[in-house]
């Protein structure tokens, strides 16, 4: 942690909503994707694949981005 980060109070005072907003959204999208997979065939399957691929796409994006920083 840098000295600038240690003196910035905004970096240390995050609410629960600030911390869990994105993970809850990803979880909700995955739950909807699982529900869509149970609903029917055709376009519903395509939408479920799209929703369930979100965590994989996010992980790949952040992994690639972390590799470029070095």
PDB file of N, CA and C in Angstrom:
ATOM      1  N   UNK A   1       0.844  -1.167   0.000  1.00  0.00           N
ATOM      2  CA  UNK A   1       0.000   0.000   0.000  1.00  0.00           C
ATOM      3  C   UNK A   1       0.891   1.232   0.000  1.00  0.00           C
ATOM      4  N   UNK A   2       0.557   2.184  -0.834  1.00  0.00           N
ATOM      5  CA  UNK A   2       1.353   3.396  -0.904  1.00  0.00           C
ATOM      6  C   UNK A   2       0.938   4.371   0.194  1.00  0.00           C
ATOM      7  N   UNK A   3       1.765   5.381   0.392  1.00  0.00           N
ATOM      8  CA  UNK A   3       1.482   6.385   1.416  1.00  0.00           C
ATOM      9  C   UNK A   3       0.213   7.173   1.079  1.00  0.00           C
ATOM     10  N   UNK A   4      -0.009   7.422  -0.206  1.00  0.00           N
ATOM     11  CA  UNK A   4      -1.211   8.147  -0.625  1.00  0.00           C
ATOM     12  C   UNK A   4      -2.468   7.345  -0.300  1.00  0.00           C
ATOM     13  N   UNK A   5      -2.407   6.026  -0.455  1.00  0.00           N
ATOM     14  CA  UNK A   5      -3.553   5.186  -0.119  1.00  0.00           C
ATOM     15  C   UNK A   5      -3.819   5.183   1.383  1.00  0.00           C
ATOM     16  N   UNK A   6      -2.762   5.211   2.181  1.00  0.00           N
ATOM     17  CA  UNK A   6      -2.920   5.165   3.631  1.00  0.00           C
ATOM     18  C   UNK A   6      -3.533   6.444   4.175  1.00  0.00           C
ATOM     19  N   UNK A   7      -3.321   7.576   3.524  1.00  0.00           N
ATOM     20  CA  UNK A   7      -3.853   8.840   4.015  1.00  0.00           C
ATOM     21  C   UNK A   7      -5.217   9.173   3.438  1.00  0.00           C
ATOM     22  N   UNK A   8      -5.695   8.421   2.468  1.00  0.00           N
ATOM     23  CA  UNK A   8      -6.988   8.681   1.847  1.00  0.00           C
ATOM     24  C   UNK A   8      -8.073   7.950   2.636  1.00  0.00           C
ATOM     25  N   UNK A   9      -8.917   8.687   3.377  1.00  0.00           N
ATOM     26  CA  UNK A   9      -9.940   8.000   4.182  1.00  0.00           C
ATOM     27  C   UNK A   9     -11.006   7.318   3.348  1.00  0.00           C
ATOM     28  N   UNK A  10     -11.215   7.760   2.120  1.00  0.00           N
ATOM     29  CA  UNK A  10     -12.233   7.144   1.272  1.00  0.00           C
ATOM     30  C   UNK A  10     -11.857   5.719   0.891  1.00  0.00           C
ATOM     31  N   UNK A  11     -10.590   5.386   0.879  1.00  0.00           N
ATOM     32  CA  UNK A  11     -10.150   4.043   0.522  1.00  0.00           C
ATOM     33  C   UNK A  11     -10.484   3.034   1.617  1.00  0.00           C
ATOM     34  N   UNK A  12     -10.677   3.493   2.842  1.00  0.00           N
ATOM     35  CA  UNK A  12     -10.878   2.574   3.959  1.00  0.00           C
ATOM     36  C   UNK A  12     -12.306   2.577   4.489  1.00  0.00           C
ATOM     37  N   UNK A  13     -13.130   3.486   4.048  1.00  0.00           N
ATOM     38  CA  UNK A  13     -14.491   3.549   4.568  1.00  0.00           C
ATOM     39  C   UNK A  13     -15.488   3.238   3.459  1.00  0.00           C
ATOM     40  N   UNK A  14     -15.591   1.984   3.136  1.00  0.00           N
ATOM     41  CA  UNK A  14     -16.551   1.543   2.133  1.00  0.00           C
ATOM     42  C   UNK A  14     -17.701   0.831   2.820  1.00  0.00           C
ATOM     43  N   UNK A  15     -18.888   1.109   2.341  1.00  0.00           N
ATOM     44  CA  UNK A  15     -20.058   0.452   2.911  1.00  0.00           C
ATOM     45  C   UNK A  15     -20.171  -0.974   2.364  1.00  0.00           C
ATOM     46  N   UNK A  16     -21.028  -1.747   2.973  1.00  0.00           N
ATOM     47  CA  UNK A  16     -21.262  -3.110   2.497  1.00  0.00           C
ATOM     48  C   UNK A  16     -21.788  -3.123   1.072  1.00  0.00           C
ATOM     49  N   UNK A  17     -22.635  -2.132   0.748  1.00  0.00           N
ATOM     50  CA  UNK A  17     -23.174  -2.055  -0.607  1.00  0.00           C
ATOM     51  C   UNK A  17     -22.061  -1.791  -1.619  1.00  0.00           C
ATOM     52  N   UNK A  18     -21.097  -0.924  -1.272  1.00  0.00           N
ATOM     53  CA  UNK A  18     -19.982  -0.638  -2.172  1.00  0.00           C
ATOM     54  C   UNK A  18     -19.144  -1.881  -2.432  1.00  0.00           C
ATOM     55  N   UNK A  19     -18.988  -2.698  -1.412  1.00  0.00           N
ATOM     56  CA  UNK A  19     -18.140  -3.885  -1.536  1.00  0.00           C
ATOM     57  C   UNK A  19     -18.846  -5.007  -2.293  1.00  0.00           C
ATOM     58  N   UNK A  20     -20.126  -5.242  -2.002  1.00  0.00           N
ATOM     59  CA  UNK A  20     -20.817  -6.409  -2.535  1.00  0.00           C
ATOM     60  C   UNK A  20     -21.748  -6.131  -3.709  1.00  0.00           C
ATOM     61  N   UNK A  21     -21.774  -4.910  -4.209  1.00  0.00           N
ATOM     62  CA  UNK A  21     -22.683  -4.549  -5.298  1.00  0.00           C
ATOM     63  C   UNK A  21     -22.424  -5.381  -6.549  1.00  0.00           C
ATOM     64  N   UNK A  22     -21.196  -5.425  -7.012  1.00  0.00           N
ATOM     65  CA  UNK A  22     -20.884  -6.152  -8.252  1.00  0.00           C
ATOM     66  C   UNK A  22     -21.014  -7.670  -8.067  1.00  0.00           C
ATOM     67  N   UNK A  23     -20.479  -8.263  -6.983  1.00  0.00           N
ATOM     68  CA  UNK A  23     -20.686  -9.708  -6.811  1.00  0.00           C
ATOM     69  C   UNK A  23     -22.155 -10.110  -6.724  1.00  0.00           C
ATOM     70  N   UNK A  24     -22.980  -9.283  -6.081  1.00  0.00           N
ATOM     71  CA  UNK A  24     -24.408  -9.599  -6.023  1.00  0.00           C
ATOM     72  C   UNK A  24     -25.050  -9.518  -7.404  1.00  0.00           C
ATOM     73  N   UNK A  25     -24.639  -8.544  -8.198  1.00  0.00           N
ATOM     74  CA  UNK A  25     -25.165  -8.421  -9.551  1.00  0.00           C
ATOM     75  C   UNK A  25     -24.765  -9.626 -10.407  1.00  0.00           C
ATOM     76  N   UNK A  26     -23.521 -10.055 -10.300  1.00  0.00           N
ATOM     77  CA  UNK A  26     -23.067 -11.229 -11.053  1.00  0.00           C
ATOM     78  C   UNK A  26     -23.824 -12.473 -10.594  1.00  0.00           C
ATOM     79  N   UNK A  27     -24.023 -12.617  -9.297  1.00  0.00           N
ATOM     80  CA  UNK A  27     -24.791 -13.746  -8.782  1.00  0.00           C
ATOM     81  C   UNK A  27     -26.227 -13.735  -9.256  1.00  0.00           C
ATOM     82  N   UNK A  28     -26.826 -12.559  -9.305  1.00  0.00           N
ATOM     83  CA  UNK A  28     -28.200 -12.440  -9.790  1.00  0.00           C
ATOM     84  C   UNK A  28     -28.292 -12.813 -11.268  1.00  0.00           C
ATOM     85  N   UNK A  29     -27.338 -12.358 -12.060  1.00  0.00           N
ATOM     86  CA  UNK A  29     -27.334 -12.707 -13.492  1.00  0.00           C
ATOM     87  C   UNK A  29     -27.168 -14.216 -13.662  1.00  0.00           C
ATOM     88  N   UNK A  30     -26.310 -14.843 -12.857  1.00  0.00           N
ATOM     89  CA  UNK A  30     -26.131 -16.297 -12.941  1.00  0.00           C
ATOM     90  C   UNK A  30     -27.398 -17.038 -12.514  1.00  0.00           C
ATOM     91  N   UNK A  31     -28.065 -16.556 -11.489  1.00  0.00           N
ATOM     92  CA  UNK A  31     -29.314 -17.193 -11.060  1.00  0.00           C
ATOM     93  C   UNK A  31     -30.378 -17.078 -12.147  1.00  0.00           C
ATOM     94  N   UNK A  32     -30.446 -15.932 -12.791  1.00  0.00           N
ATOM     95  CA  UNK A  32     -31.382 -15.766 -13.902  1.00  0.00           C
ATOM     96  C   UNK A  32     -31.009 -16.713 -15.040  1.00  0.00           C
ATOM     97  N   UNK A  33     -29.709 -16.866 -15.296  1.00  0.00           N
ATOM     98  CA  UNK A  33     -29.254 -17.785 -16.339  1.00  0.00           C
ATOM     99  C   UNK A  33     -29.641 -19.222 -16.041  1.00  0.00           C
ATOM    100  N   UNK A  34     -29.526 -19.625 -14.787  1.00  0.00           N
ATOM    101  CA  UNK A  34     -29.943 -20.978 -14.409  1.00  0.00           C
ATOM    102  C   UNK A  34     -31.441 -21.147 -14.577  1.00  0.00           C
ATOM    103  N   UNK A  35     -32.192 -20.115 -14.204  1.00  0.00           N
ATOM    104  CA  UNK A  35     -33.639 -20.172 -14.389  1.00  0.00           C
ATOM    105  C   UNK A  35     -34.026 -20.239 -15.855  1.00  0.00           C
ATOM    106  N   UNK A  36     -33.348 -19.460 -16.691  1.00  0.00           N
ATOM    107  CA  UNK A  36     -33.622 -19.492 -18.131  1.00  0.00           C
ATOM    108  C   UNK A  36     -33.307 -20.854 -18.737  1.00  0.00           C
ATOM    109  N   UNK A  37     -32.288 -21.514 -18.218  1.00  0.00           N
ATOM    110  CA  UNK A  37     -31.942 -22.834 -18.736  1.00  0.00           C
ATOM    111  C   UNK A  37     -33.044 -23.847 -18.449  1.00  0.00           C
ATOM    112  N   UNK A  38     -33.790 -23.627 -17.386  1.00  0.00           N
ATOM    113  CA  UNK A  38     -34.879 -24.543 -17.034  1.00  0.00           C
ATOM    114  C   UNK A  38     -36.186 -24.228 -17.754  1.00  0.00           C
ATOM    115  N   UNK A  39     -36.319 -23.009 -18.250  1.00  0.00           N
ATOM    116  CA  UNK A  39     -37.585 -22.558 -18.823  1.00  0.00           C
ATOM    117  C   UNK A  39     -37.905 -23.233 -20.142  1.00  0.00           C
ATOM    118  N   UNK A  40     -36.963 -23.235 -21.053  1.00  0.00           N
ATOM    119  CA  UNK A  40     -37.299 -23.783 -22.357  1.00  0.00           C
ATOM    120  C   UNK A  40     -36.089 -23.936 -23.251  1.00  0.00           C
ATOM    121  N   UNK A  41     -36.360 -24.085 -24.530  1.00  0.00           N
ATOM    122  CA  UNK A  41     -35.314 -24.294 -25.518  1.00  0.00           C
ATOM    123  C   UNK A  41     -35.230 -23.093 -26.451  1.00  0.00           C
ATOM    124  N   UNK A  42     -34.304 -23.194 -27.379  1.00  0.00           N
ATOM    125  CA  UNK A  42     -34.165 -22.144 -28.375  1.00  0.00           C
ATOM    126  C   UNK A  42     -33.460 -20.920 -27.819  1.00  0.00           C
ATOM    127  N   UNK A  43     -34.133 -19.785 -27.905  1.00  0.00           N
ATOM    128  CA  UNK A  43     -33.540 -18.524 -27.458  1.00  0.00           C
ATOM    129  C   UNK A  43     -33.235 -18.541 -25.961  1.00  0.00           C
ATOM    130  N   UNK A  44     -34.035 -19.283 -25.177  1.00  0.00           N
ATOM    131  CA  UNK A  44     -33.804 -19.361 -23.734  1.00  0.00           C
ATOM    132  C   UNK A  44     -32.451 -20.010 -23.426  1.00  0.00           C
ATOM    133  N   UNK A  45     -32.096 -21.028 -24.203  1.00  0.00           N
ATOM    134  CA  UNK A  45     -30.789 -21.660 -24.016  1.00  0.00           C
ATOM    135  C   UNK A  45     -29.663 -20.686 -24.337  1.00  0.00           C
ATOM    136  N   UNK A  46     -29.849 -19.919 -25.400  1.00  0.00           N
ATOM    137  CA  UNK A  46     -28.823 -18.939 -25.772  1.00  0.00           C
ATOM    138  C   UNK A  46     -28.658 -17.875 -24.685  1.00  0.00           C
ATOM    139  N   UNK A  47     -29.762 -17.403 -24.151  1.00  0.00           N
ATOM    140  CA  UNK A  47     -29.695 -16.406 -23.079  1.00  0.00           C
ATOM    141  C   UNK A  47     -29.071 -16.976 -21.812  1.00  0.00           C
ATOM    142  N   UNK A  48     -29.360 -18.235 -21.516  1.00  0.00           N
ATOM    143  CA  UNK A  48     -28.763 -18.841 -20.322  1.00  0.00           C
ATOM    144  C   UNK A  48     -27.255 -19.012 -20.498  1.00  0.00           C
ATOM    145  N   UNK A  49     -26.814 -19.407 -21.690  1.00  0.00           N
ATOM    146  CA  UNK A  49     -25.378 -19.518 -21.947  1.00  0.00           C
ATOM    147  C   UNK A  49     -24.699 -18.158 -21.800  1.00  0.00           C
ATOM    148  N   UNK A  50     -25.347 -17.137 -22.294  1.00  0.00           N
ATOM    149  CA  UNK A  50     -24.795 -15.791 -22.186  1.00  0.00           C
ATOM    150  C   UNK A  50     -24.684 -15.357 -20.725  1.00  0.00           C
ATOM    151  N   UNK A  51     -25.733 -15.587 -19.960  1.00  0.00           N
ATOM    152  CA  UNK A  51     -25.725 -15.193 -18.551  1.00  0.00           C
ATOM    153  C   UNK A  51     -24.714 -16.000 -17.745  1.00  0.00           C
ATOM    154  N   UNK A  52     -24.619 -17.300 -18.019  1.00  0.00           N
ATOM    155  CA  UNK A  52     -23.712 -18.150 -17.248  1.00  0.00           C
ATOM    156  C   UNK A  52     -22.257 -17.991 -17.665  1.00  0.00           C
ATOM    157  N   UNK A  53     -22.004 -17.365 -18.802  1.00  0.00           N
ATOM    158  CA  UNK A  53     -20.623 -17.129 -19.216  1.00  0.00           C
ATOM    159  C   UNK A  53     -20.067 -15.826 -18.638  1.00  0.00           C
ATOM    160  N   UNK A  54     -20.916 -15.019 -18.003  1.00  0.00           N
ATOM    161  CA  UNK A  54     -20.468 -13.750 -17.436  1.00  0.00           C
ATOM    162  C   UNK A  54     -19.332 -13.903 -16.422  1.00  0.00           C
ATOM    163  N   UNK A  55     -19.407 -14.805 -15.437  1.00  0.00           N
ATOM    164  CA  UNK A  55     -18.287 -14.926 -14.487  1.00  0.00           C
ATOM    165  C   UNK A  55     -16.988 -15.352 -15.159  1.00  0.00           C
ATOM    166  N   UNK A  56     -17.074 -16.217 -16.149  1.00  0.00           N
ATOM    167  CA  UNK A  56     -15.877 -16.660 -16.865  1.00  0.00           C
ATOM    168  C   UNK A  56     -15.268 -15.498 -17.640  1.00  0.00           C
ATOM    169  N   UNK A  57     -16.121 -14.717 -18.301  1.00  0.00           N
ATOM    170  CA  UNK A  57     -15.642 -13.566 -19.074  1.00  0.00           C
ATOM    171  C   UNK A  57     -15.019 -12.514 -18.154  1.00  0.00           C
ATOM    172  N   UNK A  58     -15.638 -12.258 -17.009  1.00  0.00           N
ATOM    173  CA  UNK A  58     -15.084 -11.291 -16.065  1.00  0.00           C
ATOM    174  C   UNK A  58     -13.739 -11.756 -15.505  1.00  0.00           C
ATOM    175  N   UNK A  59     -13.636 -13.036 -15.186  1.00  0.00           N
ATOM    176  CA  UNK A  59     -12.377 -13.569 -14.673  1.00  0.00           C
ATOM    177  C   UNK A  59     -11.275 -13.469 -15.724  1.00  0.00           C
ATOM    178  N   UNK A  60     -11.582 -13.807 -16.967  1.00  0.00           N
ATOM    179  CA  UNK A  60     -10.587 -13.724 -18.038  1.00  0.00           C
ATOM    180  C   UNK A  60     -10.164 -12.276 -18.271  1.00  0.00           C
ATOM    181  N   UNK A  61     -11.125 -11.359 -18.250  1.00  0.00           N
ATOM    182  CA  UNK A  61     -10.813  -9.948 -18.453  1.00  0.00           C
ATOM    183  C   UNK A  61      -9.879  -9.430 -17.370  1.00  0.00           C
ATOM    184  N   UNK A  62     -10.193  -9.705 -16.104  1.00  0.00           N
ATOM    185  CA  UNK A  62      -9.364  -9.201 -15.007  1.00  0.00           C
ATOM    186  C   UNK A  62      -8.021  -9.910 -14.927  1.00  0.00           C
ATOM    187  N   UNK A  63      -7.972 -11.161 -15.299  1.00  0.00           N
ATOM    188  CA  UNK A  63      -6.705 -11.885 -15.316  1.00  0.00           C
ATOM    189  C   UNK A  63      -5.790 -11.291 -16.389  1.00  0.00           C
ATOM    190  N   UNK A  64      -6.340 -11.023 -17.558  1.00  0.00           N
ATOM    191  CA  UNK A  64      -5.561 -10.422 -18.638  1.00  0.00           C
ATOM    192  C   UNK A  64      -5.101  -9.014 -18.248  1.00  0.00           C
ATOM    193  N   UNK A  65      -5.996  -8.252 -17.629  1.00  0.00           N
ATOM    194  CA  UNK A  65      -5.663  -6.898 -17.228  1.00  0.00           C
ATOM    195  C   UNK A  65      -4.577  -6.877 -16.139  1.00  0.00           C
ATOM    196  N   UNK A  66      -4.617  -7.837 -15.223  1.00  0.00           N
ATOM    197  CA  UNK A  66      -3.598  -7.908 -14.169  1.00  0.00           C
ATOM    198  C   UNK A  66      -2.254  -8.291 -14.754  1.00  0.00           C
ATOM    199  N   UNK A  67      -2.251  -9.106 -15.805  1.00  0.00           N
ATOM    200  CA  UNK A  67      -0.998  -9.497 -16.435  1.00  0.00           C
ATOM    201  C   UNK A  67      -0.324  -8.355 -17.174  1.00  0.00           C
ATOM    202  N   UNK A  68      -1.099  -7.412 -17.679  1.00  0.00           N
ATOM    203  CA  UNK A  68      -0.523  -6.275 -18.399  1.00  0.00           C
ATOM    204  C   UNK A  68       0.094  -5.251 -17.468  1.00  0.00           C
ATOM    205  N   UNK A  69      -0.311  -5.207 -16.209  1.00  0.00           N
ATOM    206  CA  UNK A  69       0.224  -4.225 -15.271  1.00  0.00           C
ATOM    207  C   UNK A  69       1.668  -4.478 -14.902  1.00  0.00           C
ATOM    208  N   UNK A  70       2.086  -5.698 -14.995  1.00  0.00           N
ATOM    209  CA  UNK A  70       3.452  -6.048 -14.541  1.00  0.00           C
ATOM    210  C   UNK A  70       4.490  -5.598 -15.490  1.00  0.00           C
TER     211      UNK A  70
END
